[in-house]
């Protein structure tokens, strides 16, 4: 019984840790960081680059100082 309870707790803990907090993202590892001059949402990528998604669906990079992430 103790072994089963421990297994259930371990599985619950691992499942709980695997969930991430919902934040606006464009792809894995990116975080929304404000808006650009023309109204597009700015994102900071995993390596620190700052960009928005243009009308063609491509990344357009802007100055890192334009992103307002902490």
PDB file of N, CA and C in Angstrom:
ATOM      1  N   UNK A   1       0.829  -1.199   0.000  1.00  0.00           N
ATOM      2  CA  UNK A   1       0.000   0.000   0.000  1.00  0.00           C
ATOM      3  C   UNK A   1       0.870   1.258   0.000  1.00  0.00           C
ATOM      4  N   UNK A   2       1.910   1.278   0.849  1.00  0.00           N
ATOM      5  CA  UNK A   2       2.786   2.445   0.906  1.00  0.00           C
ATOM      6  C   UNK A   2       3.514   2.643  -0.413  1.00  0.00           C
ATOM      7  N   UNK A   3       3.923   1.552  -1.036  1.00  0.00           N
ATOM      8  CA  UNK A   3       4.631   1.645  -2.309  1.00  0.00           C
ATOM      9  C   UNK A   3       3.719   2.207  -3.397  1.00  0.00           C
ATOM     10  N   UNK A   4       2.464   1.792  -3.415  1.00  0.00           N
ATOM     11  CA  UNK A   4       1.499   2.297  -4.396  1.00  0.00           C
ATOM     12  C   UNK A   4       1.228   3.780  -4.171  1.00  0.00           C
ATOM     13  N   UNK A   5       1.049   4.175  -2.912  1.00  0.00           N
ATOM     14  CA  UNK A   5       0.798   5.581  -2.596  1.00  0.00           C
ATOM     15  C   UNK A   5       1.994   6.437  -2.989  1.00  0.00           C
ATOM     16  N   UNK A   6       3.187   5.954  -2.727  1.00  0.00           N
ATOM     17  CA  UNK A   6       4.395   6.689  -3.091  1.00  0.00           C
ATOM     18  C   UNK A   6       4.497   6.824  -4.608  1.00  0.00           C
ATOM     19  N   UNK A   7       4.171   5.775  -5.329  1.00  0.00           N
ATOM     20  CA  UNK A   7       4.205   5.819  -6.791  1.00  0.00           C
ATOM     21  C   UNK A   7       3.205   6.834  -7.327  1.00  0.00           C
ATOM     22  N   UNK A   8       2.015   6.859  -6.758  1.00  0.00           N
ATOM     23  CA  UNK A   8       0.980   7.807  -7.194  1.00  0.00           C
ATOM     24  C   UNK A   8       1.439   9.232  -6.925  1.00  0.00           C
ATOM     25  N   UNK A   9       2.010   9.491  -5.763  1.00  0.00           N
ATOM     26  CA  UNK A   9       2.508  10.833  -5.438  1.00  0.00           C
ATOM     27  C   UNK A   9       3.633  11.252  -6.374  1.00  0.00           C
ATOM     28  N   UNK A  10       4.522  10.339  -6.673  1.00  0.00           N
ATOM     29  CA  UNK A  10       5.625  10.644  -7.570  1.00  0.00           C
ATOM     30  C   UNK A  10       5.118  10.993  -8.965  1.00  0.00           C
ATOM     31  N   UNK A  11       4.179  10.220  -9.460  1.00  0.00           N
ATOM     32  CA  UNK A  11       3.603  10.491 -10.784  1.00  0.00           C
ATOM     33  C   UNK A  11       2.877  11.833 -10.783  1.00  0.00           C
ATOM     34  N   UNK A  12       2.117  12.117  -9.736  1.00  0.00           N
ATOM     35  CA  UNK A  12       1.405  13.399  -9.646  1.00  0.00           C
ATOM     36  C   UNK A  12       2.389  14.559  -9.605  1.00  0.00           C
ATOM     37  N   UNK A  13       3.481  14.401  -8.866  1.00  0.00           N
ATOM     38  CA  UNK A  13       4.491  15.450  -8.776  1.00  0.00           C
ATOM     39  C   UNK A  13       5.131  15.701 -10.135  1.00  0.00           C
ATOM     40  N   UNK A  14       5.513  14.630 -10.815  1.00  0.00           N
ATOM     41  CA  UNK A  14       6.147  14.775 -12.121  1.00  0.00           C
ATOM     42  C   UNK A  14       5.197  15.397 -13.139  1.00  0.00           C
ATOM     43  N   UNK A  15       3.937  15.002 -13.102  1.00  0.00           N
ATOM     44  CA  UNK A  15       2.961  15.580 -14.019  1.00  0.00           C
ATOM     45  C   UNK A  15       2.757  17.064 -13.722  1.00  0.00           C
ATOM     46  N   UNK A  16       2.670  17.410 -12.448  1.00  0.00           N
ATOM     47  CA  UNK A  16       2.495  18.812 -12.055  1.00  0.00           C
ATOM     48  C   UNK A  16       3.674  19.671 -12.449  1.00  0.00           C
ATOM     49  N   UNK A  17       4.877  19.135 -12.358  1.00  0.00           N
ATOM     50  CA  UNK A  17       6.074  19.895 -12.721  1.00  0.00           C
ATOM     51  C   UNK A  17       6.211  20.072 -14.220  1.00  0.00           C
ATOM     52  N   UNK A  18       5.620  19.180 -14.994  1.00  0.00           N
ATOM     53  CA  UNK A  18       5.764  19.271 -16.434  1.00  0.00           C
ATOM     54  C   UNK A  18       4.856  20.336 -17.038  1.00  0.00           C
ATOM     55  N   UNK A  19       3.820  20.755 -16.333  1.00  0.00           N
ATOM     56  CA  UNK A  19       2.941  21.803 -16.836  1.00  0.00           C
ATOM     57  C   UNK A  19       3.627  23.142 -16.663  1.00  0.00           C
ATOM     58  N   UNK A  20       3.553  23.977 -17.684  1.00  0.00           N
ATOM     59  CA  UNK A  20       4.128  25.306 -17.602  1.00  0.00           C
ATOM     60  C   UNK A  20       3.013  26.324 -17.520  1.00  0.00           C
ATOM     61  N   UNK A  21       3.327  27.452 -16.969  1.00  0.00           N
ATOM     62  CA  UNK A  21       2.354  28.522 -16.851  1.00  0.00           C
ATOM     63  C   UNK A  21       2.025  29.048 -18.242  1.00  0.00           C
ATOM     64  N   UNK A  22       0.749  29.346 -18.482  1.00  0.00           N
ATOM     65  CA  UNK A  22       0.323  29.830 -19.783  1.00  0.00           C
ATOM     66  C   UNK A  22       0.793  31.270 -19.973  1.00  0.00           C
ATOM     67  N   UNK A  23       1.699  31.492 -20.935  1.00  0.00           N
ATOM     68  CA  UNK A  23       2.123  32.836 -21.307  1.00  0.00           C
ATOM     69  C   UNK A  23       2.053  32.936 -22.814  1.00  0.00           C
ATOM     70  N   UNK A  24       1.780  34.132 -23.333  1.00  0.00           N
ATOM     71  CA  UNK A  24       1.706  34.266 -24.779  1.00  0.00           C
ATOM     72  C   UNK A  24       3.046  33.936 -25.418  1.00  0.00           C
ATOM     73  N   UNK A  25       3.061  32.985 -26.311  1.00  0.00           N
ATOM     74  CA  UNK A  25       4.293  32.621 -27.003  1.00  0.00           C
ATOM     75  C   UNK A  25       4.013  32.414 -28.466  1.00  0.00           C
ATOM     76  N   UNK A  26       5.034  32.608 -29.293  1.00  0.00           N
ATOM     77  CA  UNK A  26       4.873  32.362 -30.720  1.00  0.00           C
ATOM     78  C   UNK A  26       5.408  30.998 -31.095  1.00  0.00           C
ATOM     79  N   UNK A  27       6.384  30.518 -30.383  1.00  0.00           N
ATOM     80  CA  UNK A  27       6.930  29.183 -30.575  1.00  0.00           C
ATOM     81  C   UNK A  27       7.691  28.816 -29.314  1.00  0.00           C
ATOM     82  N   UNK A  28       8.154  27.600 -29.239  1.00  0.00           N
ATOM     83  CA  UNK A  28       8.799  27.128 -28.025  1.00  0.00           C
ATOM     84  C   UNK A  28       9.979  28.029 -27.643  1.00  0.00           C
ATOM     85  N   UNK A  29       9.981  28.490 -26.389  1.00  0.00           N
ATOM     86  CA  UNK A  29      11.089  29.277 -25.885  1.00  0.00           C
ATOM     87  C   UNK A  29      10.976  30.764 -26.107  1.00  0.00           C
ATOM     88  N   UNK A  30       9.883  31.238 -26.635  1.00  0.00           N
ATOM     89  CA  UNK A  30       9.726  32.674 -26.855  1.00  0.00           C
ATOM     90  C   UNK A  30       8.662  33.231 -25.929  1.00  0.00           C
ATOM     91  N   UNK A  31       8.790  34.513 -25.599  1.00  0.00           N
ATOM     92  CA  UNK A  31       7.865  35.165 -24.684  1.00  0.00           C
ATOM     93  C   UNK A  31       7.445  36.493 -25.284  1.00  0.00           C
ATOM     94  N   UNK A  32       6.147  36.818 -25.210  1.00  0.00           N
ATOM     95  CA  UNK A  32       5.648  38.107 -25.687  1.00  0.00           C
ATOM     96  C   UNK A  32       6.200  39.212 -24.801  1.00  0.00           C
ATOM     97  N   UNK A  33       6.693  40.298 -25.429  1.00  0.00           N
ATOM     98  CA  UNK A  33       7.375  41.373 -24.696  1.00  0.00           C
ATOM     99  C   UNK A  33       6.943  42.753 -25.162  1.00  0.00           C
ATOM    100  N   UNK A  34       5.673  43.010 -25.230  1.00  0.00           N
ATOM    101  CA  UNK A  34       5.214  44.335 -25.612  1.00  0.00           C
ATOM    102  C   UNK A  34       4.753  44.397 -27.059  1.00  0.00           C
ATOM    103  N   UNK A  35       4.630  45.628 -27.560  1.00  0.00           N
ATOM    104  CA  UNK A  35       4.198  45.836 -28.937  1.00  0.00           C
ATOM    105  C   UNK A  35       5.177  46.763 -29.647  1.00  0.00           C
ATOM    106  N   UNK A  36       5.254  46.588 -30.965  1.00  0.00           N
ATOM    107  CA  UNK A  36       6.127  47.412 -31.788  1.00  0.00           C
ATOM    108  C   UNK A  36       5.384  48.672 -32.198  1.00  0.00           C
ATOM    109  N   UNK A  37       6.072  49.606 -32.808  1.00  0.00           N
ATOM    110  CA  UNK A  37       5.507  50.894 -33.213  1.00  0.00           C
ATOM    111  C   UNK A  37       4.243  50.744 -34.053  1.00  0.00           C
ATOM    112  N   UNK A  38       4.215  49.737 -34.930  1.00  0.00           N
ATOM    113  CA  UNK A  38       3.061  49.560 -35.814  1.00  0.00           C
ATOM    114  C   UNK A  38       2.009  48.617 -35.252  1.00  0.00           C
ATOM    115  N   UNK A  39       2.127  48.248 -33.955  1.00  0.00           N
ATOM    116  CA  UNK A  39       1.095  47.477 -33.284  1.00  0.00           C
ATOM    117  C   UNK A  39       1.310  45.980 -33.209  1.00  0.00           C
ATOM    118  N   UNK A  40       2.353  45.451 -33.845  1.00  0.00           N
ATOM    119  CA  UNK A  40       2.607  44.015 -33.791  1.00  0.00           C
ATOM    120  C   UNK A  40       3.149  43.628 -32.409  1.00  0.00           C
ATOM    121  N   UNK A  41       2.813  42.415 -31.988  1.00  0.00           N
ATOM    122  CA  UNK A  41       3.324  41.890 -30.727  1.00  0.00           C
ATOM    123  C   UNK A  41       4.793  41.550 -30.888  1.00  0.00           C
ATOM    124  N   UNK A  42       5.612  42.017 -29.950  1.00  0.00           N
ATOM    125  CA  UNK A  42       7.038  41.708 -29.954  1.00  0.00           C
ATOM    126  C   UNK A  42       7.296  40.459 -29.137  1.00  0.00           C
ATOM    127  N   UNK A  43       8.260  39.659 -29.572  1.00  0.00           N
ATOM    128  CA  UNK A  43       8.653  38.439 -28.880  1.00  0.00           C
ATOM    129  C   UNK A  43      10.150  38.454 -28.646  1.00  0.00           C
ATOM    130  N   UNK A  44      10.561  37.886 -27.511  1.00  0.00           N
ATOM    131  CA  UNK A  44      11.987  37.689 -27.259  1.00  0.00           C
ATOM    132  C   UNK A  44      12.249  36.199 -27.368  1.00  0.00           C
ATOM    133  N   UNK A  45      13.163  35.846 -28.246  1.00  0.00           N
ATOM    134  CA  UNK A  45      13.506  34.442 -28.475  1.00  0.00           C
ATOM    135  C   UNK A  45      14.408  33.898 -27.382  1.00  0.00           C
ATOM    136  N   UNK A  46      14.684  32.611 -27.438  1.00  0.00           N
ATOM    137  CA  UNK A  46      15.490  31.960 -26.405  1.00  0.00           C
ATOM    138  C   UNK A  46      16.923  32.472 -26.340  1.00  0.00           C
ATOM    139  N   UNK A  47      17.415  33.082 -27.403  1.00  0.00           N
ATOM    140  CA  UNK A  47      18.774  33.620 -27.401  1.00  0.00           C
ATOM    141  C   UNK A  47      18.789  35.132 -27.225  1.00  0.00           C
ATOM    142  N   UNK A  48      17.627  35.737 -26.926  1.00  0.00           N
ATOM    143  CA  UNK A  48      17.566  37.162 -26.623  1.00  0.00           C
ATOM    144  C   UNK A  48      17.178  38.073 -27.752  1.00  0.00           C
ATOM    145  N   UNK A  49      17.003  37.550 -28.970  1.00  0.00           N
ATOM    146  CA  UNK A  49      16.605  38.385 -30.095  1.00  0.00           C
ATOM    147  C   UNK A  49      15.179  38.888 -29.931  1.00  0.00           C
ATOM    148  N   UNK A  50      14.897  40.063 -30.452  1.00  0.00           N
ATOM    149  CA  UNK A  50      13.573  40.682 -30.351  1.00  0.00           C
ATOM    150  C   UNK A  50      12.991  40.800 -31.758  1.00  0.00           C
ATOM    151  N   UNK A  51      11.774  40.292 -31.945  1.00  0.00           N
ATOM    152  CA  UNK A  51      11.175  40.282 -33.269  1.00  0.00           C
ATOM    153  C   UNK A  51       9.657  40.317 -33.184  1.00  0.00           C
ATOM    154  N   UNK A  52       9.024  40.568 -34.339  1.00  0.00           N
ATOM    155  CA  UNK A  52       7.583  40.410 -34.479  1.00  0.00           C
ATOM    156  C   UNK A  52       7.337  39.553 -35.714  1.00  0.00           C
ATOM    157  N   UNK A  53       6.138  39.026 -35.833  1.00  0.00           N
ATOM    158  CA  UNK A  53       5.766  38.206 -36.990  1.00  0.00           C
ATOM    159  C   UNK A  53       5.105  39.126 -38.009  1.00  0.00           C
ATOM    160  N   UNK A  54       5.707  39.230 -39.204  1.00  0.00           N
ATOM    161  CA  UNK A  54       5.168  40.135 -40.217  1.00  0.00           C
ATOM    162  C   UNK A  54       3.967  39.523 -40.938  1.00  0.00           C
ATOM    163  N   UNK A  55       3.397  40.243 -41.870  1.00  0.00           N
ATOM    164  CA  UNK A  55       2.180  39.793 -42.554  1.00  0.00           C
ATOM    165  C   UNK A  55       2.399  38.537 -43.394  1.00  0.00           C
ATOM    166  N   UNK A  56       3.641  38.227 -43.726  1.00  0.00           N
ATOM    167  CA  UNK A  56       3.959  37.006 -44.470  1.00  0.00           C
ATOM    168  C   UNK A  56       4.198  35.815 -43.554  1.00  0.00           C
ATOM    169  N   UNK A  57       4.137  36.052 -42.228  1.00  0.00           N
ATOM    170  CA  UNK A  57       4.368  34.981 -41.265  1.00  0.00           C
ATOM    171  C   UNK A  57       5.836  34.769 -40.919  1.00  0.00           C
ATOM    172  N   UNK A  58       6.689  35.709 -41.328  1.00  0.00           N
ATOM    173  CA  UNK A  58       8.119  35.603 -41.055  1.00  0.00           C
ATOM    174  C   UNK A  58       8.521  36.499 -39.885  1.00  0.00           C
ATOM    175  N   UNK A  59       9.625  36.172 -39.250  1.00  0.00           N
ATOM    176  CA  UNK A  59      10.149  36.984 -38.159  1.00  0.00           C
ATOM    177  C   UNK A  59      10.845  38.211 -38.733  1.00  0.00           C
ATOM    178  N   UNK A  60      10.528  39.376 -38.173  1.00  0.00           N
ATOM    179  CA  UNK A  60      11.225  40.611 -38.510  1.00  0.00           C
ATOM    180  C   UNK A  60      11.892  41.084 -37.233  1.00  0.00           C
ATOM    181  N   UNK A  61      13.224  41.070 -37.227  1.00  0.00           N
ATOM    182  CA  UNK A  61      13.965  41.428 -36.022  1.00  0.00           C
ATOM    183  C   UNK A  61      14.072  42.937 -35.870  1.00  0.00           C
ATOM    184  N   UNK A  62      13.990  43.394 -34.618  1.00  0.00           N
ATOM    185  CA  UNK A  62      14.115  44.796 -34.264  1.00  0.00           C
ATOM    186  C   UNK A  62      15.171  44.901 -33.171  1.00  0.00           C
ATOM    187  N   UNK A  63      15.486  46.099 -32.741  1.00  0.00           N
ATOM    188  CA  UNK A  63      16.461  46.320 -31.682  1.00  0.00           C
ATOM    189  C   UNK A  63      15.999  45.621 -30.402  1.00  0.00           C
ATOM    190  N   UNK A  64      16.938  44.991 -29.708  1.00  0.00           N
ATOM    191  CA  UNK A  64      16.600  44.290 -28.446  1.00  0.00           C
ATOM    192  C   UNK A  64      16.000  45.241 -27.427  1.00  0.00           C
ATOM    193  N   UNK A  65      16.397  46.491 -27.473  1.00  0.00           N
ATOM    194  CA  UNK A  65      15.885  47.463 -26.494  1.00  0.00           C
ATOM    195  C   UNK A  65      14.391  47.731 -26.687  1.00  0.00           C
ATOM    196  N   UNK A  66      13.826  47.362 -27.847  1.00  0.00           N
ATOM    197  CA  UNK A  66      12.387  47.543 -28.083  1.00  0.00           C
ATOM    198  C   UNK A  66      11.544  46.548 -27.278  1.00  0.00           C
ATOM    199  N   UNK A  67      12.108  45.385 -26.911  1.00  0.00           N
ATOM    200  CA  UNK A  67      11.394  44.407 -26.102  1.00  0.00           C
ATOM    201  C   UNK A  67      11.401  44.867 -24.656  1.00  0.00           C
ATOM    202  N   UNK A  68      10.263  44.730 -24.000  1.00  0.00           N
ATOM    203  CA  UNK A  68      10.116  45.212 -22.619  1.00  0.00           C
ATOM    204  C   UNK A  68      10.002  44.061 -21.626  1.00  0.00           C
ATOM    205  N   UNK A  69      10.731  42.962 -21.857  1.00  0.00           N
ATOM    206  CA  UNK A  69      10.722  41.840 -20.910  1.00  0.00           C
ATOM    207  C   UNK A  69      11.640  42.136 -19.737  1.00  0.00           C
ATOM    208  N   UNK A  70      11.344  41.502 -18.631  1.00  0.00           N
ATOM    209  CA  UNK A  70      12.203  41.656 -17.453  1.00  0.00           C
ATOM    210  C   UNK A  70      13.355  40.713 -17.527  1.00  0.00           C
TER     211      UNK A  70
END
